[in-house]
């Protein structure tokens, strides 16, 4: 075997497997934290605070999920448009998020503090799940043998 070739070829990963793993690892914790935030707000204040926290968590998870799916689509596109597309996606997320929160602030029964806390808690759990899912997908792509001591990465 020539020295320029690797001893065995790397296995190809399935198309979309990184995104699928990131969504899987992010969606469940985000929804669980949303539910916990709703129950805690209900227990601490009242049922409207619980419903507000559930709505906030749902908004947070949905905005971050749309962003995750959108950014994987942007990155899969042409290289010259990647940064501009990512910035446009971030701007769109911020505008939509503020518009939804503004409209909800005009509704009389919505309690904004639990809504905001539910939004932040669910968003943080979603982002942690995204990072964990991505880290795990990198291990699947490169395999465990490549990380052995003495091997060149």
N, C-alpha and C. Protein backbone atom coordinates (compact mmCIF):
# COMPACT_ATOMS: atom_id res chain seq x y z
N UNK A 1 0.86 -1.18 0.00
CA UNK A 1 0.00 0.00 0.00
C UNK A 1 0.90 1.23 0.00
N UNK A 2 0.61 2.19 -0.88
CA UNK A 2 1.44 3.40 -0.93
C UNK A 2 1.30 4.20 0.37
N UNK A 3 2.34 4.95 0.69
CA UNK A 3 2.35 5.73 1.93
C UNK A 3 1.38 6.90 1.88
N UNK A 4 0.99 7.34 0.69
CA UNK A 4 0.12 8.50 0.59
C UNK A 4 -1.35 8.16 0.85
N UNK A 5 -1.69 6.89 0.84
CA UNK A 5 -3.09 6.50 1.06
C UNK A 5 -3.30 6.12 2.51
N UNK A 6 -4.47 6.39 3.00
CA UNK A 6 -4.79 6.02 4.38
C UNK A 6 -5.07 4.51 4.43
N UNK A 7 -4.87 3.88 5.58
CA UNK A 7 -5.06 2.44 5.67
C UNK A 7 -6.49 1.98 5.36
N UNK A 8 -7.46 2.79 5.68
CA UNK A 8 -8.84 2.45 5.35
C UNK A 8 -9.61 3.73 5.08
N UNK A 9 -10.54 3.69 4.16
CA UNK A 9 -11.30 4.91 3.87
C UNK A 9 -12.26 5.24 5.00
N UNK A 10 -12.51 6.52 5.15
CA UNK A 10 -13.48 6.96 6.16
C UNK A 10 -14.89 6.64 5.69
N UNK A 11 -15.72 6.22 6.61
CA UNK A 11 -17.11 5.97 6.20
C UNK A 11 -17.81 7.28 5.89
N UNK A 12 -18.65 7.26 4.87
CA UNK A 12 -19.41 8.44 4.51
C UNK A 12 -20.59 8.57 5.46
N UNK A 13 -20.90 9.80 5.86
CA UNK A 13 -22.05 10.00 6.73
C UNK A 13 -23.27 10.24 5.86
N UNK A 14 -24.41 9.91 6.40
CA UNK A 14 -25.65 10.10 5.68
C UNK A 14 -25.93 11.59 5.53
N UNK A 15 -26.53 11.95 4.42
CA UNK A 15 -26.87 13.35 4.17
C UNK A 15 -27.88 13.83 5.20
N UNK A 16 -27.59 14.95 5.86
CA UNK A 16 -28.50 15.51 6.85
C UNK A 16 -28.40 14.90 8.22
N UNK A 17 -27.47 13.98 8.44
CA UNK A 17 -27.40 13.31 9.73
C UNK A 17 -26.95 14.26 10.84
N UNK A 18 -26.09 15.22 10.53
CA UNK A 18 -25.65 16.18 11.54
C UNK A 18 -26.82 17.04 11.99
N UNK A 19 -27.58 17.56 11.02
CA UNK A 19 -28.74 18.38 11.37
C UNK A 19 -29.77 17.56 12.13
N UNK A 20 -30.02 16.33 11.71
CA UNK A 20 -31.00 15.49 12.38
C UNK A 20 -30.58 15.23 13.83
N UNK A 21 -29.31 14.97 14.05
CA UNK A 21 -28.83 14.72 15.41
C UNK A 21 -28.92 15.99 16.26
N UNK A 22 -28.59 17.13 15.68
CA UNK A 22 -28.67 18.39 16.43
C UNK A 22 -30.12 18.69 16.80
N UNK A 23 -31.05 18.50 15.87
CA UNK A 23 -32.46 18.75 16.16
C UNK A 23 -32.97 17.78 17.22
N UNK A 24 -32.57 16.52 17.11
CA UNK A 24 -33.01 15.51 18.09
C UNK A 24 -32.51 15.85 19.49
N UNK A 25 -31.25 16.23 19.60
CA UNK A 25 -30.68 16.52 20.91
C UNK A 25 -31.14 17.87 21.46
N UNK A 26 -31.65 18.75 20.62
CA UNK A 26 -32.05 20.08 21.07
C UNK A 26 -33.54 20.20 21.34
N UNK A 27 -34.35 19.51 20.55
CA UNK A 27 -35.79 19.68 20.65
C UNK A 27 -36.35 19.12 21.95
N UNK A 28 -35.95 17.93 22.32
CA UNK A 28 -36.48 17.33 23.55
C UNK A 28 -36.14 18.14 24.80
N UNK A 29 -34.87 18.53 25.02
CA UNK A 29 -34.60 19.36 26.21
C UNK A 29 -35.33 20.69 26.18
N UNK A 30 -35.44 21.31 25.01
CA UNK A 30 -36.15 22.57 24.92
C UNK A 30 -37.62 22.43 25.31
N UNK A 31 -38.26 21.37 24.85
CA UNK A 31 -39.67 21.15 25.19
C UNK A 31 -39.85 20.76 26.66
N UNK A 32 -38.92 19.98 27.20
CA UNK A 32 -39.01 19.60 28.61
C UNK A 32 -38.84 20.83 29.50
N UNK A 33 -37.88 21.68 29.18
CA UNK A 33 -37.68 22.90 29.96
C UNK A 33 -38.89 23.82 29.83
N UNK A 34 -39.50 23.87 28.65
CA UNK A 34 -40.73 24.65 28.47
C UNK A 34 -41.82 24.16 29.40
N UNK A 35 -41.99 22.86 29.47
CA UNK A 35 -43.01 22.28 30.35
C UNK A 35 -42.69 22.55 31.83
N UNK A 36 -41.44 22.39 32.20
CA UNK A 36 -41.04 22.65 33.59
C UNK A 36 -41.24 24.13 33.94
N UNK A 37 -40.89 25.02 33.01
CA UNK A 37 -41.08 26.46 33.26
C UNK A 37 -42.56 26.78 33.45
N UNK A 38 -43.41 26.16 32.66
CA UNK A 38 -44.84 26.38 32.81
C UNK A 38 -45.38 25.89 34.14
N UNK A 39 -44.93 24.72 34.56
CA UNK A 39 -45.39 24.16 35.85
C UNK A 39 -44.88 25.00 37.02
N UNK A 40 -43.61 25.42 36.95
CA UNK A 40 -43.04 26.23 38.03
C UNK A 40 -43.75 27.59 38.11
N UNK A 41 -43.97 28.21 36.97
CA UNK A 41 -44.66 29.50 36.98
C UNK A 41 -46.08 29.36 37.50
N UNK A 42 -46.74 28.27 37.16
CA UNK A 42 -48.09 28.01 37.65
C UNK A 42 -48.07 27.83 39.17
N UNK A 43 -47.07 27.11 39.67
CA UNK A 43 -46.98 26.86 41.11
C UNK A 43 -46.61 28.13 41.88
N UNK A 44 -45.75 28.95 41.32
CA UNK A 44 -45.28 30.14 42.03
C UNK A 44 -46.31 31.26 41.97
N UNK A 45 -46.93 31.47 40.82
CA UNK A 45 -47.88 32.58 40.67
C UNK A 45 -49.30 32.08 40.50
N UNK A 46 -49.70 31.88 39.25
CA UNK A 46 -51.06 31.43 38.96
C UNK A 46 -51.08 30.75 37.59
N UNK A 47 -52.28 30.35 37.16
CA UNK A 47 -52.38 29.61 35.91
C UNK A 47 -52.04 30.46 34.68
N UNK A 48 -52.30 31.76 34.72
CA UNK A 48 -51.96 32.62 33.59
C UNK A 48 -50.45 32.77 33.45
N UNK A 49 -49.75 32.79 34.56
CA UNK A 49 -48.29 32.83 34.50
C UNK A 49 -47.76 31.52 33.92
N UNK A 50 -48.37 30.41 34.29
CA UNK A 50 -47.96 29.12 33.73
C UNK A 50 -48.19 29.04 32.24
N UNK A 51 -49.35 29.52 31.80
CA UNK A 51 -49.64 29.53 30.37
C UNK A 51 -48.69 30.48 29.64
N UNK A 52 -48.40 31.61 30.24
CA UNK A 52 -47.46 32.56 29.63
C UNK A 52 -46.07 31.95 29.49
N UNK A 53 -45.62 31.23 30.53
CA UNK A 53 -44.31 30.58 30.45
C UNK A 53 -44.30 29.50 29.37
N UNK A 54 -45.40 28.77 29.25
CA UNK A 54 -45.49 27.76 28.18
C UNK A 54 -45.43 28.41 26.80
N UNK A 55 -46.12 29.52 26.64
CA UNK A 55 -46.09 30.23 25.36
C UNK A 55 -44.69 30.76 25.09
N UNK A 56 -44.04 31.32 26.09
CA UNK A 56 -42.68 31.83 25.91
C UNK A 56 -41.70 30.74 25.53
N UNK A 57 -41.79 29.61 26.22
CA UNK A 57 -40.92 28.48 25.88
C UNK A 57 -41.19 27.96 24.49
N UNK A 58 -42.46 27.89 24.11
CA UNK A 58 -42.80 27.44 22.77
C UNK A 58 -42.28 28.37 21.69
N UNK A 59 -42.37 29.67 21.95
CA UNK A 59 -41.84 30.65 21.00
C UNK A 59 -40.32 30.51 20.90
N UNK A 60 -39.66 30.36 22.03
CA UNK A 60 -38.20 30.21 22.02
C UNK A 60 -37.76 28.99 21.25
N UNK A 61 -38.40 27.85 21.52
CA UNK A 61 -38.03 26.61 20.82
C UNK A 61 -38.31 26.73 19.33
N UNK A 62 -39.45 27.31 18.97
CA UNK A 62 -39.78 27.40 17.55
C UNK A 62 -38.86 28.35 16.80
N UNK A 63 -38.50 29.46 17.40
CA UNK A 63 -37.59 30.40 16.73
C UNK A 63 -36.21 29.78 16.57
N UNK A 64 -35.71 29.12 17.61
CA UNK A 64 -34.39 28.50 17.50
C UNK A 64 -34.40 27.30 16.57
N UNK A 65 -35.49 26.55 16.53
CA UNK A 65 -35.60 25.42 15.60
C UNK A 65 -35.62 25.91 14.16
N UNK A 66 -36.38 26.96 13.90
CA UNK A 66 -36.40 27.53 12.56
C UNK A 66 -35.02 28.06 12.17
N UNK A 67 -34.32 28.67 13.12
CA UNK A 67 -32.97 29.16 12.85
C UNK A 67 -31.99 28.04 12.57
N UNK A 68 -32.10 26.94 13.31
CA UNK A 68 -31.20 25.80 13.11
C UNK A 68 -31.42 25.18 11.74
N UNK A 69 -32.67 24.99 11.38
CA UNK A 69 -32.96 24.42 10.06
C UNK A 69 -32.56 25.40 8.96
N UNK A 70 -32.82 26.68 9.19
CA UNK A 70 -32.46 27.69 8.21
C UNK A 70 -30.96 27.82 8.01
N UNK A 71 -30.20 27.78 9.09
CA UNK A 71 -28.75 27.96 8.96
C UNK A 71 -28.10 26.77 8.28
N UNK A 72 -28.64 25.56 8.47
CA UNK A 72 -28.08 24.41 7.75
C UNK A 72 -28.37 24.54 6.26
N UNK A 73 -29.50 25.14 5.91
CA UNK A 73 -29.79 25.39 4.50
C UNK A 73 -28.89 26.47 3.93
N UNK A 74 -28.62 27.51 4.71
CA UNK A 74 -27.75 28.60 4.24
C UNK A 74 -26.33 28.09 4.05
N UNK A 75 -25.84 27.30 4.97
CA UNK A 75 -24.47 26.79 4.89
C UNK A 75 -24.32 25.81 3.72
N UNK A 76 -25.39 25.12 3.37
CA UNK A 76 -25.32 24.18 2.25
C UNK A 76 -25.31 24.89 0.90
N UNK A 77 -25.60 26.18 0.88
CA UNK A 77 -25.63 26.93 -0.36
C UNK A 77 -24.25 27.35 -0.82
N UNK A 78 -24.19 28.27 -1.77
CA UNK A 78 -22.90 28.73 -2.28
C UNK A 78 -22.10 29.46 -1.21
N UNK A 79 -20.79 29.31 -1.27
CA UNK A 79 -19.91 29.86 -0.23
C UNK A 79 -19.95 31.38 -0.18
N UNK A 80 -20.11 32.05 -1.31
CA UNK A 80 -20.09 33.51 -1.31
C UNK A 80 -21.31 34.10 -0.61
N UNK A 81 -22.38 33.34 -0.48
CA UNK A 81 -23.60 33.87 0.13
C UNK A 81 -23.79 33.39 1.57
N UNK A 82 -22.87 32.63 2.10
CA UNK A 82 -23.05 32.03 3.41
C UNK A 82 -23.14 33.09 4.52
N UNK A 83 -22.20 34.00 4.58
CA UNK A 83 -22.20 34.99 5.65
C UNK A 83 -23.38 35.95 5.52
N UNK A 84 -23.67 36.37 4.32
CA UNK A 84 -24.80 37.26 4.12
C UNK A 84 -26.11 36.55 4.47
N UNK A 85 -26.23 35.31 4.09
CA UNK A 85 -27.43 34.53 4.41
C UNK A 85 -27.57 34.30 5.89
N UNK A 86 -26.47 34.02 6.57
CA UNK A 86 -26.52 33.82 8.02
C UNK A 86 -26.93 35.10 8.73
N UNK A 87 -26.41 36.24 8.28
CA UNK A 87 -26.78 37.52 8.88
C UNK A 87 -28.24 37.84 8.62
N UNK A 88 -28.71 37.58 7.41
CA UNK A 88 -30.11 37.82 7.08
C UNK A 88 -31.02 36.93 7.91
N UNK A 89 -30.63 35.68 8.11
CA UNK A 89 -31.42 34.77 8.93
C UNK A 89 -31.48 35.24 10.38
N UNK A 90 -30.36 35.69 10.92
CA UNK A 90 -30.34 36.21 12.28
C UNK A 90 -31.23 37.44 12.40
N UNK A 91 -31.12 38.34 11.45
CA UNK A 91 -31.98 39.54 11.46
C UNK A 91 -33.45 39.18 11.39
N UNK A 92 -33.79 38.22 10.56
CA UNK A 92 -35.18 37.78 10.44
C UNK A 92 -35.68 37.16 11.75
N UNK A 93 -34.84 36.36 12.40
CA UNK A 93 -35.21 35.78 13.69
C UNK A 93 -35.47 36.87 14.72
N UNK A 94 -34.62 37.87 14.77
CA UNK A 94 -34.77 38.94 15.75
C UNK A 94 -36.04 39.74 15.48
N UNK A 95 -36.29 40.07 14.22
CA UNK A 95 -37.48 40.85 13.87
C UNK A 95 -38.75 40.06 14.19
N UNK A 96 -38.80 38.80 13.81
CA UNK A 96 -39.99 37.99 14.08
C UNK A 96 -40.17 37.81 15.58
N UNK A 97 -39.09 37.56 16.30
CA UNK A 97 -39.19 37.40 17.76
C UNK A 97 -39.72 38.65 18.44
N UNK A 98 -39.17 39.81 18.08
CA UNK A 98 -39.66 41.05 18.68
C UNK A 98 -41.10 41.36 18.29
N UNK A 99 -41.47 41.05 17.04
CA UNK A 99 -42.86 41.30 16.61
C UNK A 99 -43.83 40.42 17.39
N UNK A 100 -43.49 39.16 17.57
CA UNK A 100 -44.37 38.26 18.33
C UNK A 100 -44.45 38.70 19.79
N UNK A 101 -43.32 39.04 20.37
CA UNK A 101 -43.33 39.49 21.77
C UNK A 101 -44.09 40.81 21.93
N UNK A 102 -43.96 41.70 20.98
CA UNK A 102 -44.71 42.96 21.04
C UNK A 102 -46.21 42.71 20.97
N UNK A 103 -46.62 41.85 20.05
CA UNK A 103 -48.05 41.55 19.93
C UNK A 103 -48.58 40.86 21.19
N UNK A 104 -47.78 39.97 21.76
CA UNK A 104 -48.21 39.31 23.00
C UNK A 104 -48.25 40.28 24.17
N UNK A 105 -47.40 41.29 24.17
CA UNK A 105 -47.42 42.24 25.28
C UNK A 105 -48.70 43.07 25.28
N UNK A 106 -49.38 43.14 24.15
CA UNK A 106 -50.63 43.89 24.05
C UNK A 106 -51.83 43.09 24.52
N UNK A 107 -51.65 41.79 24.73
CA UNK A 107 -52.75 40.94 25.19
C UNK A 107 -52.82 41.06 26.72
N UNK A 108 -54.01 41.27 27.24
CA UNK A 108 -54.18 41.56 28.65
C UNK A 108 -53.82 40.42 29.61
N UNK A 109 -54.07 39.19 29.23
CA UNK A 109 -53.87 38.08 30.16
C UNK A 109 -52.44 37.53 30.16
N UNK A 110 -51.60 37.95 29.21
CA UNK A 110 -50.23 37.44 29.14
C UNK A 110 -49.37 38.14 30.17
N UNK A 111 -48.65 37.36 30.96
CA UNK A 111 -47.72 37.86 31.96
C UNK A 111 -46.32 37.81 31.35
N UNK A 112 -45.72 38.95 31.11
CA UNK A 112 -44.48 39.01 30.34
C UNK A 112 -43.25 38.46 31.08
N UNK A 113 -43.20 38.56 32.40
CA UNK A 113 -42.04 38.03 33.12
C UNK A 113 -41.93 36.52 32.98
N UNK A 114 -42.97 35.74 33.28
CA UNK A 114 -42.85 34.29 33.05
C UNK A 114 -42.65 33.93 31.58
N UNK A 115 -43.27 34.71 30.69
CA UNK A 115 -43.08 34.45 29.27
C UNK A 115 -41.61 34.63 28.90
N UNK A 116 -41.00 35.70 29.34
CA UNK A 116 -39.59 35.94 29.05
C UNK A 116 -38.67 34.91 29.68
N UNK A 117 -38.97 34.53 30.91
CA UNK A 117 -38.15 33.51 31.57
C UNK A 117 -38.29 32.15 30.90
N UNK A 118 -39.51 31.81 30.49
CA UNK A 118 -39.72 30.56 29.76
C UNK A 118 -39.00 30.57 28.42
N UNK A 119 -39.04 31.73 27.75
CA UNK A 119 -38.34 31.90 26.47
C UNK A 119 -36.84 31.69 26.65
N UNK A 120 -36.27 32.35 27.65
CA UNK A 120 -34.81 32.25 27.87
C UNK A 120 -34.39 30.85 28.31
N UNK A 121 -35.15 30.25 29.21
CA UNK A 121 -34.78 28.92 29.71
C UNK A 121 -34.87 27.88 28.59
N UNK A 122 -35.95 27.91 27.82
CA UNK A 122 -36.10 26.95 26.73
C UNK A 122 -35.06 27.19 25.64
N UNK A 123 -34.77 28.45 25.34
CA UNK A 123 -33.76 28.76 24.34
C UNK A 123 -32.38 28.30 24.76
N UNK A 124 -32.06 28.48 26.04
CA UNK A 124 -30.76 28.02 26.53
C UNK A 124 -30.66 26.50 26.48
N UNK A 125 -31.70 25.81 26.89
CA UNK A 125 -31.69 24.34 26.82
C UNK A 125 -31.58 23.87 25.37
N UNK A 126 -32.27 24.55 24.46
CA UNK A 126 -32.20 24.20 23.04
C UNK A 126 -30.78 24.38 22.52
N UNK A 127 -30.14 25.48 22.87
CA UNK A 127 -28.79 25.73 22.38
C UNK A 127 -27.79 24.73 22.96
N UNK A 128 -27.94 24.38 24.22
CA UNK A 128 -27.06 23.36 24.81
C UNK A 128 -27.26 22.03 24.11
N UNK A 129 -28.50 21.68 23.83
CA UNK A 129 -28.77 20.44 23.09
C UNK A 129 -28.19 20.47 21.69
N UNK A 130 -28.22 21.62 21.05
CA UNK A 130 -27.64 21.75 19.71
C UNK A 130 -26.14 21.49 19.75
N UNK A 131 -25.46 22.06 20.72
CA UNK A 131 -24.02 21.87 20.85
C UNK A 131 -23.69 20.41 21.15
N UNK A 132 -24.44 19.81 22.05
CA UNK A 132 -24.21 18.39 22.38
C UNK A 132 -24.46 17.51 21.16
N UNK A 133 -25.52 17.78 20.42
CA UNK A 133 -25.81 17.01 19.22
C UNK A 133 -24.74 17.17 18.16
N UNK A 134 -24.23 18.38 17.99
CA UNK A 134 -23.17 18.61 17.01
C UNK A 134 -21.89 17.91 17.44
N UNK A 135 -21.57 17.99 18.70
CA UNK A 135 -20.36 17.33 19.20
C UNK A 135 -20.44 15.83 18.98
N UNK A 136 -21.59 15.26 19.26
CA UNK A 136 -21.76 13.82 19.04
C UNK A 136 -21.70 13.46 17.57
N UNK A 137 -22.19 14.31 16.70
CA UNK A 137 -22.15 14.01 15.27
C UNK A 137 -20.72 14.08 14.76
N UNK A 138 -19.90 14.94 15.33
CA UNK A 138 -18.50 14.99 14.93
C UNK A 138 -17.80 13.70 15.32
N UNK A 139 -18.14 13.12 16.46
CA UNK A 139 -17.54 11.86 16.84
C UNK A 139 -17.98 10.75 15.89
N UNK A 140 -19.23 10.80 15.44
CA UNK A 140 -19.70 9.79 14.50
C UNK A 140 -19.03 9.93 13.14
N UNK A 141 -18.78 11.13 12.71
CA UNK A 141 -18.19 11.36 11.40
C UNK A 141 -16.75 10.89 11.36
N UNK A 142 -15.98 11.24 12.36
CA UNK A 142 -14.56 10.94 12.33
C UNK A 142 -14.20 9.62 12.99
N UNK A 143 -15.08 9.04 13.75
CA UNK A 143 -14.81 7.75 14.36
C UNK A 143 -13.92 7.86 15.57
N UNK A 144 -13.91 6.81 16.36
CA UNK A 144 -13.11 6.82 17.59
C UNK A 144 -11.66 6.48 17.32
N UNK A 145 -11.37 5.71 16.27
CA UNK A 145 -9.99 5.31 16.01
C UNK A 145 -9.12 6.48 15.58
N UNK A 146 -9.72 7.50 14.96
CA UNK A 146 -8.94 8.65 14.52
C UNK A 146 -8.43 9.48 15.69
N UNK A 147 -9.08 9.38 16.84
CA UNK A 147 -8.68 10.18 17.99
C UNK A 147 -7.68 9.46 18.89
N UNK A 148 -7.21 8.30 18.44
CA UNK A 148 -6.26 7.53 19.26
C UNK A 148 -4.94 8.29 19.39
N UNK A 149 -4.23 8.09 20.51
CA UNK A 149 -2.95 8.79 20.70
C UNK A 149 -1.94 8.39 19.61
N UNK A 150 -1.21 9.37 19.16
CA UNK A 150 -0.18 9.12 18.16
C UNK A 150 -0.66 9.23 16.73
N UNK A 151 -1.95 9.37 16.51
CA UNK A 151 -2.46 9.49 15.15
C UNK A 151 -2.55 10.96 14.75
N UNK A 152 -2.29 11.23 13.50
CA UNK A 152 -2.36 12.57 12.98
C UNK A 152 -3.83 12.88 12.66
N UNK A 153 -4.29 14.04 13.08
CA UNK A 153 -5.69 14.42 12.81
C UNK A 153 -5.78 15.18 11.53
